[in-house]
Amino acid sequence: MDQETNFIQQFIQQIDEAEPTEEVINWLTQVCNPRSQDLLIKNLIIHFLKNINQAEQANLILKCLRKINKWIPQIVEPQLLSDQEFPNAIVQYLVKTNIDNYEGDGFILLSQIFKEEKFHQLATDQFITRLYDSLQYIDNEEIFQAVVLIIIKLSVKNLNLLEISLKHKNQRFFTEYLIQIINKNKDKSSLIKVLQFIEVILQKNKDYFYSNDFKVLQSIALRQIQDAEEETRRMFLKMLYTLIQYGNKEYLQKESILESMNEIQALIVGDKYSQKKSKEIVNMFNIK
């Protein structure tokens, strides 16, 4: 083992045993500084690349990077983002590593450094397939949501990747979490991406959602339209319009939808968008 490798191994062990005390944070701030002569983050990435086919060692490095990125993100994350090789390395790790040997740290780091413009060129069918494969094994909600959102962001602009969403055996896990994201409505940017995905996927297959899930989506939309503030109401009106336009007409809750739209027209007088969209939805049922 050369001196540099030995140094990296010792550092990984130190981080594995460390707690984020003030002393540790101060030390990490110094040694992880990109202007430091040790170029520690760069060397961790290099060693990850060298060991990408050795799951045990690769996982140790990912765990180390994930911990220090959590403790001093203002120093570590910019270096991960700016490194030309690390995004591809993470993708290759997820593609090549046996799914039984996956560590959640890889998914967490992937979500932290994920930038659509950088990853679209790396998003192969094999990569998206492995993300779908992983869904049934992930028991951490934060990681699961991160993976689902990455799949969505990459798929809405790539028809080849969208085909995987239509056919993969873990589609059920995926759609269930889509509904959870919509129902919780906590993060507007995530919600926007999910709604975009629904519009695109229903244009490919009106029966993408199970009949009960399709009804649940309508119920969520109707509740949000009635109870939410203006911006959210508009988003869910658009979603309801999409469900009616592209979804399976057999499972539409026509009476509930028409009742809700009539209430919008009567009560939400000052919102011209909601007035217009609710009338469009009513007219969709009047088209013979």
C-alpha atoms as a PDB file:
ATOM      1  CA  MET A   1       0.000   0.000   0.000  1.00  0.00           C
ATOM      2  CA  ASP A   2       1.500   3.354  -1.055  1.00  0.00           C
ATOM      3  CA  GLN A   3       1.664   6.353   1.246  1.00  0.00           C
ATOM      4  CA  GLU A   4      -1.252   8.181  -0.376  1.00  0.00           C
ATOM      5  CA  THR A   5      -3.546   5.152  -0.202  1.00  0.00           C
ATOM      6  CA  ASN A   6      -2.585   4.602   3.413  1.00  0.00           C
ATOM      7  CA  PHE A   7      -3.426   8.250   4.196  1.00  0.00           C
ATOM      8  CA  ILE A   8      -6.848   7.918   2.550  1.00  0.00           C
ATOM      9  CA  GLN A   9      -7.584   4.684   4.429  1.00  0.00           C
ATOM     10  CA  GLN A  10      -6.680   6.278   7.737  1.00  0.00           C
ATOM     11  CA  PHE A  11      -8.845   9.310   6.977  1.00  0.00           C
ATOM     12  CA  ILE A  12     -11.839   7.073   6.089  1.00  0.00           C
ATOM     13  CA  GLN A  13     -11.427   5.206   9.368  1.00  0.00           C
ATOM     14  CA  GLN A  14     -11.196   8.464  11.334  1.00  0.00           C
ATOM     15  CA  ILE A  15     -14.431   9.736   9.775  1.00  0.00           C
ATOM     16  CA  ASP A  16     -16.149   6.413  10.391  1.00  0.00           C
ATOM     17  CA  GLU A  17     -15.392   6.721  14.100  1.00  0.00           C
ATOM     18  CA  ALA A  18     -15.889  10.496  14.400  1.00  0.00           C
ATOM     19  CA  GLU A  19     -18.794  12.571  15.639  1.00  0.00           C
ATOM     20  CA  PRO A  20     -19.489  16.099  14.333  1.00  0.00           C
ATOM     21  CA  THR A  21     -18.052  17.932  17.322  1.00  0.00           C
ATOM     22  CA  GLU A  22     -16.823  21.501  16.977  1.00  0.00           C
ATOM     23  CA  GLU A  23     -13.246  20.259  17.018  1.00  0.00           C
ATOM     24  CA  VAL A  24     -13.899  17.728  14.254  1.00  0.00           C
ATOM     25  CA  ILE A  25     -15.744  20.285  12.114  1.00  0.00           C
ATOM     26  CA  ASN A  26     -12.875  22.772  12.461  1.00  0.00           C
ATOM     27  CA  TRP A  27     -10.350  20.090  11.509  1.00  0.00           C
ATOM     28  CA  LEU A  28     -12.389  18.985   8.488  1.00  0.00           C
ATOM     29  CA  THR A  29     -12.840  22.573   7.358  1.00  0.00           C
ATOM     30  CA  GLN A  30      -9.063  22.871   7.143  1.00  0.00           C
ATOM     31  CA  VAL A  31      -8.142  19.515   5.604  1.00  0.00           C
ATOM     32  CA  CYS A  32     -11.010  19.478   3.073  1.00  0.00           C
ATOM     33  CA  ASN A  33     -10.406  22.988   1.823  1.00  0.00           C
ATOM     34  CA  PRO A  34      -9.884  22.831  -1.962  1.00  0.00           C
ATOM     35  CA  ARG A  35      -6.810  25.033  -1.550  1.00  0.00           C
ATOM     36  CA  SER A  36      -5.245  22.549   0.833  1.00  0.00           C
ATOM     37  CA  GLN A  37      -2.157  20.829  -0.544  1.00  0.00           C
ATOM     38  CA  ASP A  38      -3.659  17.431   0.284  1.00  0.00           C
ATOM     39  CA  LEU A  39      -6.560  17.885  -2.173  1.00  0.00           C
ATOM     40  CA  LEU A  40      -8.435  15.476   0.065  1.00  0.00           C
ATOM     41  CA  ILE A  41     -11.828  15.471  -1.678  1.00  0.00           C
ATOM     42  CA  LYS A  42     -10.181  15.048  -5.075  1.00  0.00           C
ATOM     43  CA  ASN A  43      -8.128  12.138  -3.782  1.00  0.00           C
ATOM     44  CA  LEU A  44     -11.195  10.483  -2.252  1.00  0.00           C
ATOM     45  CA  ILE A  45     -12.866  10.717  -5.665  1.00  0.00           C
ATOM     46  CA  ILE A  46      -9.783   9.259  -7.348  1.00  0.00           C
ATOM     47  CA  HIS A  47      -9.751   6.343  -4.925  1.00  0.00           C
ATOM     48  CA  PHE A  48     -13.459   5.815  -5.460  1.00  0.00           C
ATOM     49  CA  LEU A  49     -12.830   5.590  -9.213  1.00  0.00           C
ATOM     50  CA  LYS A  50     -10.017   3.092  -8.649  1.00  0.00           C
ATOM     51  CA  ASN A  51     -12.202   0.918  -6.419  1.00  0.00           C
ATOM     52  CA  ILE A  52     -15.507   1.236  -8.229  1.00  0.00           C
ATOM     53  CA  ASN A  53     -15.593  -2.501  -8.930  1.00  0.00           C
ATOM     54  CA  GLN A  54     -14.737  -3.349  -5.313  1.00  0.00           C
ATOM     55  CA  ALA A  55     -18.086  -2.866  -3.588  1.00  0.00           C
ATOM     56  CA  GLU A  56     -16.799  -2.968  -0.010  1.00  0.00           C
ATOM     57  CA  GLN A  57     -14.099  -0.323  -0.519  1.00  0.00           C
ATOM     58  CA  ALA A  58     -16.289   1.819  -2.775  1.00  0.00           C
ATOM     59  CA  ASN A  59     -19.015   1.808  -0.131  1.00  0.00           C
ATOM     60  CA  LEU A  60     -16.565   2.924   2.565  1.00  0.00           C
ATOM     61  CA  ILE A  61     -15.492   5.880   0.442  1.00  0.00           C
ATOM     62  CA  LEU A  62     -19.092   6.827  -0.338  1.00  0.00           C
ATOM     63  CA  LYS A  63     -19.981   6.646   3.341  1.00  0.00           C
ATOM     64  CA  CYS A  64     -17.045   8.914   4.159  1.00  0.00           C
ATOM     65  CA  LEU A  65     -17.969  11.442   1.445  1.00  0.00           C
ATOM     66  CA  ARG A  66     -21.599  11.440   2.486  1.00  0.00           C
ATOM     67  CA  LYS A  67     -20.740  12.113   6.149  1.00  0.00           C
ATOM     68  CA  ILE A  68     -18.331  14.959   5.523  1.00  0.00           C
ATOM     69  CA  ASN A  69     -20.676  16.452   2.929  1.00  0.00           C
ATOM     70  CA  LYS A  70     -23.390  16.442   5.582  1.00  0.00           C
ATOM     71  CA  TRP A  71     -21.088  18.038   8.164  1.00  0.00           C
ATOM     72  CA  ILE A  72     -19.416  20.683   5.972  1.00  0.00           C
ATOM     73  CA  PRO A  73     -21.566  20.914   2.811  1.00  0.00           C
ATOM     74  CA  GLN A  74     -20.391  24.427   1.980  1.00  0.00           C
ATOM     75  CA  ILE A  75     -16.890  23.027   1.413  1.00  0.00           C
ATOM     76  CA  VAL A  76     -17.473  19.496   0.112  1.00  0.00           C
ATOM     77  CA  GLU A  77     -20.514  19.775  -2.160  1.00  0.00           C
ATOM     78  CA  PRO A  78     -19.043  22.396  -4.540  1.00  0.00           C
ATOM     79  CA  GLN A  79     -16.038  20.129  -5.064  1.00  0.00           C
ATOM     80  CA  LEU A  80     -18.245  17.132  -5.837  1.00  0.00           C
ATOM     81  CA  LEU A  81     -20.340  19.198  -8.218  1.00  0.00           C
ATOM     82  CA  SER A  82     -17.384  20.693 -10.039  1.00  0.00           C
ATOM     83  CA  ASP A  83     -15.492  17.421 -10.448  1.00  0.00           C
ATOM     84  CA  GLN A  84     -15.818  16.234 -14.048  1.00  0.00           C
ATOM     85  CA  GLU A  85     -15.555  12.535 -13.223  1.00  0.00           C
ATOM     86  CA  PHE A  86     -17.565  12.086 -10.037  1.00  0.00           C
ATOM     87  CA  PRO A  87     -21.118  12.212 -11.525  1.00  0.00           C
ATOM     88  CA  ASN A  88     -20.212   9.535 -14.055  1.00  0.00           C
ATOM     89  CA  ALA A  89     -18.476   7.537 -11.314  1.00  0.00           C
ATOM     90  CA  ILE A  90     -21.655   7.493  -9.213  1.00  0.00           C
ATOM     91  CA  VAL A  91     -23.652   6.355 -12.245  1.00  0.00           C
ATOM     92  CA  GLN A  92     -21.137   3.590 -12.993  1.00  0.00           C
ATOM     93  CA  TYR A  93     -21.194   2.466  -9.356  1.00  0.00           C
ATOM     94  CA  LEU A  94     -24.973   2.089  -9.430  1.00  0.00           C
ATOM     95  CA  VAL A  95     -24.875   0.267 -12.770  1.00  0.00           C
ATOM     96  CA  LYS A  96     -22.026  -2.103 -11.960  1.00  0.00           C
ATOM     97  CA  THR A  97     -22.549  -2.899  -8.281  1.00  0.00           C
ATOM     98  CA  ASN A  98     -24.654  -5.908  -7.372  1.00  0.00           C
ATOM     99  CA  ILE A  99     -27.903  -4.565  -5.958  1.00  0.00           C
ATOM    100  CA  ASP A 100     -27.403  -6.579  -2.762  1.00  0.00           C
ATOM    101  CA  ASN A 101     -24.224  -4.588  -2.131  1.00  0.00           C
ATOM    102  CA  TYR A 102     -25.713  -1.133  -2.629  1.00  0.00           C
ATOM    103  CA  GLU A 103     -25.243   1.400   0.130  1.00  0.00           C
ATOM    104  CA  GLY A 104     -27.709   4.213   0.722  1.00  0.00           C
ATOM    105  CA  ASP A 105     -24.796   6.643   0.778  1.00  0.00           C
ATOM    106  CA  GLY A 106     -24.469   6.318  -2.999  1.00  0.00           C
ATOM    107  CA  PHE A 107     -28.106   7.299  -3.513  1.00  0.00           C
ATOM    108  CA  ILE A 108     -27.860  10.173  -1.033  1.00  0.00           C
ATOM    109  CA  LEU A 109     -24.775  11.577  -2.735  1.00  0.00           C
ATOM    110  CA  LEU A 110     -26.413  11.123  -6.123  1.00  0.00           C
ATOM    111  CA  SER A 111     -29.408  13.166  -4.995  1.00  0.00           C
ATOM    112  CA  GLN A 112     -27.173  15.854  -3.475  1.00  0.00           C
ATOM    113  CA  ILE A 113     -25.049  16.396  -6.567  1.00  0.00           C
ATOM    114  CA  PHE A 114     -27.846  15.722  -9.057  1.00  0.00           C
ATOM    115  CA  LYS A 115     -28.185  18.429 -11.673  1.00  0.00           C
ATOM    116  CA  GLU A 116     -30.457  17.647 -14.615  1.00  0.00           C
ATOM    117  CA  GLU A 117     -28.248  19.315 -17.213  1.00  0.00           C
ATOM    118  CA  LYS A 118     -25.231  17.283 -16.089  1.00  0.00           C
ATOM    119  CA  PHE A 119     -26.921  13.909 -15.692  1.00  0.00           C
ATOM    120  CA  HIS A 120     -29.109  13.841 -18.801  1.00  0.00           C
ATOM    121  CA  GLN A 121     -26.106  12.874 -20.913  1.00  0.00           C
ATOM    122  CA  LEU A 122     -25.260  10.081 -18.434  1.00  0.00           C
ATOM    123  CA  ALA A 123     -28.788   8.711 -18.152  1.00  0.00           C
ATOM    124  CA  THR A 124     -28.621   5.441 -20.044  1.00  0.00           C
ATOM    125  CA  ASP A 125     -31.397   2.848 -20.128  1.00  0.00           C
ATOM    126  CA  GLN A 126     -29.225   0.673 -17.925  1.00  0.00           C
ATOM    127  CA  PHE A 127     -28.840   3.401 -15.298  1.00  0.00           C
ATOM    128  CA  ILE A 128     -32.583   4.144 -15.091  1.00  0.00           C
ATOM    129  CA  THR A 129     -33.340   0.418 -14.995  1.00  0.00           C
ATOM    130  CA  ARG A 130     -31.012  -0.015 -12.029  1.00  0.00           C
ATOM    131  CA  LEU A 131     -32.700   2.882 -10.234  1.00  0.00           C
ATOM    132  CA  TYR A 132     -36.046   1.155 -10.755  1.00  0.00           C
ATOM    133  CA  ASP A 133     -34.525  -2.170  -9.666  1.00  0.00           C
ATOM    134  CA  SER A 134     -33.407  -0.600  -6.402  1.00  0.00           C
ATOM    135  CA  LEU A 135     -36.849   0.662  -5.355  1.00  0.00           C
ATOM    136  CA  GLN A 136     -38.011  -2.596  -3.795  1.00  0.00           C
ATOM    137  CA  TYR A 137     -34.882  -2.758  -1.619  1.00  0.00           C
ATOM    138  CA  ILE A 138     -34.808   0.809  -0.280  1.00  0.00           C
ATOM    139  CA  ASP A 139     -36.397   1.103   3.167  1.00  0.00           C
ATOM    140  CA  ASN A 140     -35.321   4.693   3.855  1.00  0.00           C
ATOM    141  CA  GLU A 141     -38.020   7.186   2.826  1.00  0.00           C
ATOM    142  CA  GLU A 142     -35.563  10.018   2.146  1.00  0.00           C
ATOM    143  CA  ILE A 143     -33.483   7.859  -0.189  1.00  0.00           C
ATOM    144  CA  PHE A 144     -36.574   6.370  -1.856  1.00  0.00           C
ATOM    145  CA  GLN A 145     -37.974   9.812  -2.622  1.00  0.00           C
ATOM    146  CA  ALA A 146     -34.613  11.003  -3.944  1.00  0.00           C
ATOM    147  CA  VAL A 147     -34.426   8.050  -6.364  1.00  0.00           C
ATOM    148  CA  VAL A 148     -38.041   8.506  -7.508  1.00  0.00           C
ATOM    149  CA  LEU A 149     -37.484  12.204  -8.217  1.00  0.00           C
ATOM    150  CA  ILE A 150     -34.288  11.498 -10.164  1.00  0.00           C
ATOM    151  CA  ILE A 151     -36.170   8.972 -12.319  1.00  0.00           C
ATOM    152  CA  ILE A 152     -38.919  11.533 -12.930  1.00  0.00           C
ATOM    153  CA  LYS A 153     -36.564  14.396 -13.802  1.00  0.00           C
ATOM    154  CA  LEU A 154     -34.615  12.275 -16.268  1.00  0.00           C
ATOM    155  CA  SER A 155     -37.637  10.570 -17.834  1.00  0.00           C
ATOM    156  CA  VAL A 156     -39.881  13.541 -18.668  1.00  0.00           C
ATOM    157  CA  LYS A 157     -37.444  14.741 -21.335  1.00  0.00           C
ATOM    158  CA  ASN A 158     -36.383  11.365 -22.701  1.00  0.00           C
ATOM    159  CA  LEU A 159     -38.892   9.111 -24.457  1.00  0.00           C
ATOM    160  CA  ASN A 160     -36.575   6.087 -24.352  1.00  0.00           C
ATOM    161  CA  LEU A 161     -36.309   6.339 -20.571  1.00  0.00           C
ATOM    162  CA  LEU A 162     -40.061   6.860 -20.352  1.00  0.00           C
ATOM    163  CA  GLU A 163     -40.554   3.454 -21.959  1.00  0.00           C
ATOM    164  CA  ILE A 164     -38.814   1.891 -18.948  1.00  0.00           C
ATOM    165  CA  SER A 165     -41.378   3.550 -16.666  1.00  0.00           C
ATOM    166  CA  LEU A 166     -44.127   1.881 -18.676  1.00  0.00           C
ATOM    167  CA  LYS A 167     -42.694  -1.629 -18.494  1.00  0.00           C
ATOM    168  CA  HIS A 168     -40.586  -2.072 -15.359  1.00  0.00           C
ATOM    169  CA  LYS A 169     -41.760  -4.642 -12.818  1.00  0.00           C
ATOM    170  CA  ASN A 170     -41.323  -2.115  -9.985  1.00  0.00           C
ATOM    171  CA  GLN A 171     -43.725   0.350 -11.561  1.00  0.00           C
ATOM    172  CA  ARG A 172     -46.135  -0.277  -8.673  1.00  0.00           C
ATOM    173  CA  PHE A 173     -43.633   0.923  -6.046  1.00  0.00           C
ATOM    174  CA  PHE A 174     -42.940   3.959  -8.195  1.00  0.00           C
ATOM    175  CA  THR A 175     -46.553   5.020  -8.778  1.00  0.00           C
ATOM    176  CA  GLU A 176     -47.458   4.549  -5.118  1.00  0.00           C
ATOM    177  CA  TYR A 177     -44.787   7.031  -4.134  1.00  0.00           C
ATOM    178  CA  LEU A 178     -45.825   9.460  -6.865  1.00  0.00           C
ATOM    179  CA  ILE A 179     -49.228   9.572  -5.213  1.00  0.00           C
ATOM    180  CA  GLN A 180     -47.630  10.117  -1.799  1.00  0.00           C
ATOM    181  CA  ILE A 181     -45.635  13.092  -3.098  1.00  0.00           C
ATOM    182  CA  ILE A 182     -48.774  14.609  -4.593  1.00  0.00           C
ATOM    183  CA  ASN A 183     -50.838  13.943  -1.477  1.00  0.00           C
ATOM    184  CA  LYS A 184     -48.292  15.435   0.919  1.00  0.00           C
ATOM    185  CA  ASN A 185     -47.716  18.475  -1.317  1.00  0.00           C
ATOM    186  CA  LYS A 186     -44.711  19.658   0.718  1.00  0.00           C
ATOM    187  CA  ASP A 187     -42.248  20.646  -1.991  1.00  0.00           C
ATOM    188  CA  LYS A 188     -43.528  22.717  -4.909  1.00  0.00           C
ATOM    189  CA  SER A 189     -40.567  22.013  -7.208  1.00  0.00           C
ATOM    190  CA  SER A 190     -40.973  18.233  -6.733  1.00  0.00           C
ATOM    191  CA  LEU A 191     -44.718  18.511  -7.243  1.00  0.00           C
ATOM    192  CA  ILE A 192     -44.240  20.366 -10.521  1.00  0.00           C
ATOM    193  CA  LYS A 193     -41.953  17.606 -11.832  1.00  0.00           C
ATOM    194  CA  VAL A 194     -44.390  14.887 -10.765  1.00  0.00           C
ATOM    195  CA  LEU A 195     -47.276  16.641 -12.523  1.00  0.00           C
ATOM    196  CA  GLN A 196     -45.164  16.984 -15.671  1.00  0.00           C
ATOM    197  CA  PHE A 197     -44.405  13.263 -15.510  1.00  0.00           C
ATOM    198  CA  ILE A 198     -48.093  12.372 -15.130  1.00  0.00           C
ATOM    199  CA  GLU A 199     -48.991  14.416 -18.206  1.00  0.00           C
ATOM    200  CA  VAL A 200     -46.269  12.822 -20.330  1.00  0.00           C
ATOM    201  CA  ILE A 201     -46.826   9.241 -19.122  1.00  0.00           C
ATOM    202  CA  LEU A 202     -50.616   9.341 -19.601  1.00  0.00           C
ATOM    203  CA  GLN A 203     -50.121  10.475 -23.177  1.00  0.00           C
ATOM    204  CA  LYS A 204     -48.146   7.250 -23.689  1.00  0.00           C
ATOM    205  CA  ASN A 205     -50.550   4.988 -21.787  1.00  0.00           C
ATOM    206  CA  LYS A 206     -53.939   6.076 -20.429  1.00  0.00           C
ATOM    207  CA  ASP A 207     -53.940   3.026 -18.121  1.00  0.00           C
ATOM    208  CA  TYR A 208     -50.523   3.691 -16.559  1.00  0.00           C
ATOM    209  CA  PHE A 209     -52.178   4.037 -13.146  1.00  0.00           C
ATOM    210  CA  TYR A 210     -54.282   1.272 -11.646  1.00  0.00           C
ATOM    211  CA  SER A 211     -57.964   2.214 -11.639  1.00  0.00           C
ATOM    212  CA  ASN A 212     -58.020   2.793  -7.869  1.00  0.00           C
ATOM    213  CA  ASP A 213     -54.844   4.925  -8.015  1.00  0.00           C
ATOM    214  CA  PHE A 214     -56.346   6.940 -10.847  1.00  0.00           C
ATOM    215  CA  LYS A 215     -59.417   7.634  -8.700  1.00  0.00           C
ATOM    216  CA  VAL A 216     -57.219   8.572  -5.736  1.00  0.00           C
ATOM    217  CA  LEU A 217     -55.375  11.107  -7.927  1.00  0.00           C
ATOM    218  CA  GLN A 218     -58.703  12.699  -8.839  1.00  0.00           C
ATOM    219  CA  SER A 219     -59.756  12.844  -5.182  1.00  0.00           C
ATOM    220  CA  ILE A 220     -56.475  14.484  -4.161  1.00  0.00           C
ATOM    221  CA  ALA A 221     -56.810  17.035  -6.951  1.00  0.00           C
ATOM    222  CA  LEU A 222     -60.388  17.890  -5.977  1.00  0.00           C
ATOM    223  CA  ARG A 223     -59.438  18.321  -2.323  1.00  0.00           C
ATOM    224  CA  GLN A 224     -56.490  20.563  -3.151  1.00  0.00           C
ATOM    225  CA  ILE A 225     -58.578  22.615  -5.567  1.00  0.00           C
ATOM    226  CA  GLN A 226     -61.093  23.321  -2.794  1.00  0.00           C
ATOM    227  CA  ASP A 227     -58.713  23.844   0.142  1.00  0.00           C
ATOM    228  CA  ALA A 228     -55.367  25.089  -1.164  1.00  0.00           C
ATOM    229  CA  GLU A 229     -54.064  28.581  -1.774  1.00  0.00           C
ATOM    230  CA  GLU A 230     -54.167  30.090  -5.264  1.00  0.00           C
ATOM    231  CA  GLU A 231     -50.884  28.788  -6.718  1.00  0.00           C
ATOM    232  CA  THR A 232     -51.501  25.221  -5.556  1.00  0.00           C
ATOM    233  CA  ARG A 233     -55.138  25.327  -6.672  1.00  0.00           C
ATOM    234  CA  ARG A 234     -54.018  26.276 -10.170  1.00  0.00           C
ATOM    235  CA  MET A 235     -51.498  23.424 -10.273  1.00  0.00           C
ATOM    236  CA  PHE A 236     -54.119  20.860  -9.292  1.00  0.00           C
ATOM    237  CA  LEU A 237     -56.662  22.241 -11.733  1.00  0.00           C
ATOM    238  CA  LYS A 238     -54.076  21.663 -14.451  1.00  0.00           C
ATOM    239  CA  MET A 239     -53.452  18.151 -13.097  1.00  0.00           C
ATOM    240  CA  LEU A 240     -57.189  17.375 -13.102  1.00  0.00           C
ATOM    241  CA  TYR A 241     -57.436  18.660 -16.676  1.00  0.00           C
ATOM    242  CA  THR A 242     -54.583  16.315 -17.626  1.00  0.00           C
ATOM    243  CA  LEU A 243     -56.255  13.314 -15.948  1.00  0.00           C
ATOM    244  CA  ILE A 244     -59.468  13.982 -17.854  1.00  0.00           C
ATOM    245  CA  GLN A 245     -57.738  14.681 -21.157  1.00  0.00           C
ATOM    246  CA  TYR A 246     -55.335  11.735 -21.235  1.00  0.00           C
ATOM    247  CA  GLY A 247     -56.507   9.232 -18.590  1.00  0.00           C
ATOM    248  CA  ASN A 248     -58.969   6.389 -18.898  1.00  0.00           C
ATOM    249  CA  LYS A 249     -62.417   8.001 -19.195  1.00  0.00           C
ATOM    250  CA  GLU A 250     -64.046   4.907 -17.682  1.00  0.00           C
ATOM    251  CA  TYR A 251     -62.691   5.794 -14.215  1.00  0.00           C
ATOM    252  CA  LEU A 252     -63.456   9.512 -14.140  1.00  0.00           C
ATOM    253  CA  GLN A 253     -65.487  10.739 -11.156  1.00  0.00           C
ATOM    254  CA  LYS A 254     -67.683  12.908 -13.339  1.00  0.00           C
ATOM    255  CA  GLU A 255     -70.280  14.038 -10.785  1.00  0.00           C
ATOM    256  CA  SER A 256     -67.715  15.007  -8.142  1.00  0.00           C
ATOM    257  CA  ILE A 257     -65.606  16.854 -10.705  1.00  0.00           C
ATOM    258  CA  LEU A 258     -68.539  18.819 -12.131  1.00  0.00           C
ATOM    259  CA  GLU A 259     -69.772  19.720  -8.653  1.00  0.00           C
ATOM    260  CA  SER A 260     -66.331  20.974  -7.659  1.00  0.00           C
ATOM    261  CA  MET A 261     -65.885  22.988 -10.858  1.00  0.00           C
ATOM    262  CA  ASN A 262     -69.275  24.644 -10.424  1.00  0.00           C
ATOM    263  CA  GLU A 263     -68.274  25.641  -6.886  1.00  0.00           C
ATOM    264  CA  ILE A 264     -65.022  27.117  -8.194  1.00  0.00           C
ATOM    265  CA  GLN A 265     -66.928  29.221 -10.728  1.00  0.00           C
ATOM    266  CA  ALA A 266     -69.316  30.443  -8.028  1.00  0.00           C
ATOM    267  CA  LEU A 267     -66.863  31.079  -5.177  1.00  0.00           C
ATOM    268  CA  ILE A 268     -63.394  31.802  -6.611  1.00  0.00           C
ATOM    269  CA  VAL A 269     -64.402  34.937  -8.475  1.00  0.00           C
ATOM    270  CA  GLY A 270     -61.098  36.849  -8.357  1.00  0.00           C
ATOM    271  CA  ASP A 271     -58.916  34.124  -9.855  1.00  0.00           C
ATOM    272  CA  LYS A 272     -59.284  34.352 -13.628  1.00  0.00           C
ATOM    273  CA  TYR A 273     -57.073  31.301 -14.295  1.00  0.00           C
ATOM    274  CA  SER A 274     -59.155  29.060 -12.016  1.00  0.00           C
ATOM    275  CA  GLN A 275     -62.361  30.383 -13.555  1.00  0.00           C
ATOM    276  CA  LYS A 276     -61.091  29.684 -17.075  1.00  0.00           C
ATOM    277  CA  LYS A 277     -59.663  26.243 -16.300  1.00  0.00           C
ATOM    278  CA  SER A 278     -62.754  25.090 -14.372  1.00  0.00           C
ATOM    279  CA  LYS A 279     -64.955  26.065 -17.335  1.00  0.00           C
ATOM    280  CA  GLU A 280     -62.633  24.157 -19.694  1.00  0.00           C
ATOM    281  CA  ILE A 281     -62.962  21.074 -17.481  1.00  0.00           C
ATOM    282  CA  VAL A 282     -66.762  21.306 -17.471  1.00  0.00           C
ATOM    283  CA  ASN A 283     -66.752  21.691 -21.253  1.00  0.00           C
ATOM    284  CA  MET A 284     -64.643  18.545 -21.627  1.00  0.00           C
ATOM    285  CA  PHE A 285     -67.606  16.533 -20.337  1.00  0.00           C
ATOM    286  CA  ASN A 286     -70.003  18.331 -22.697  1.00  0.00           C
ATOM    287  CA  ILE A 287     -68.063  17.324 -25.807  1.00  0.00           C
ATOM    288  CA  LYS A 288     -69.912  14.574 -27.592  1.00  0.00           C
END
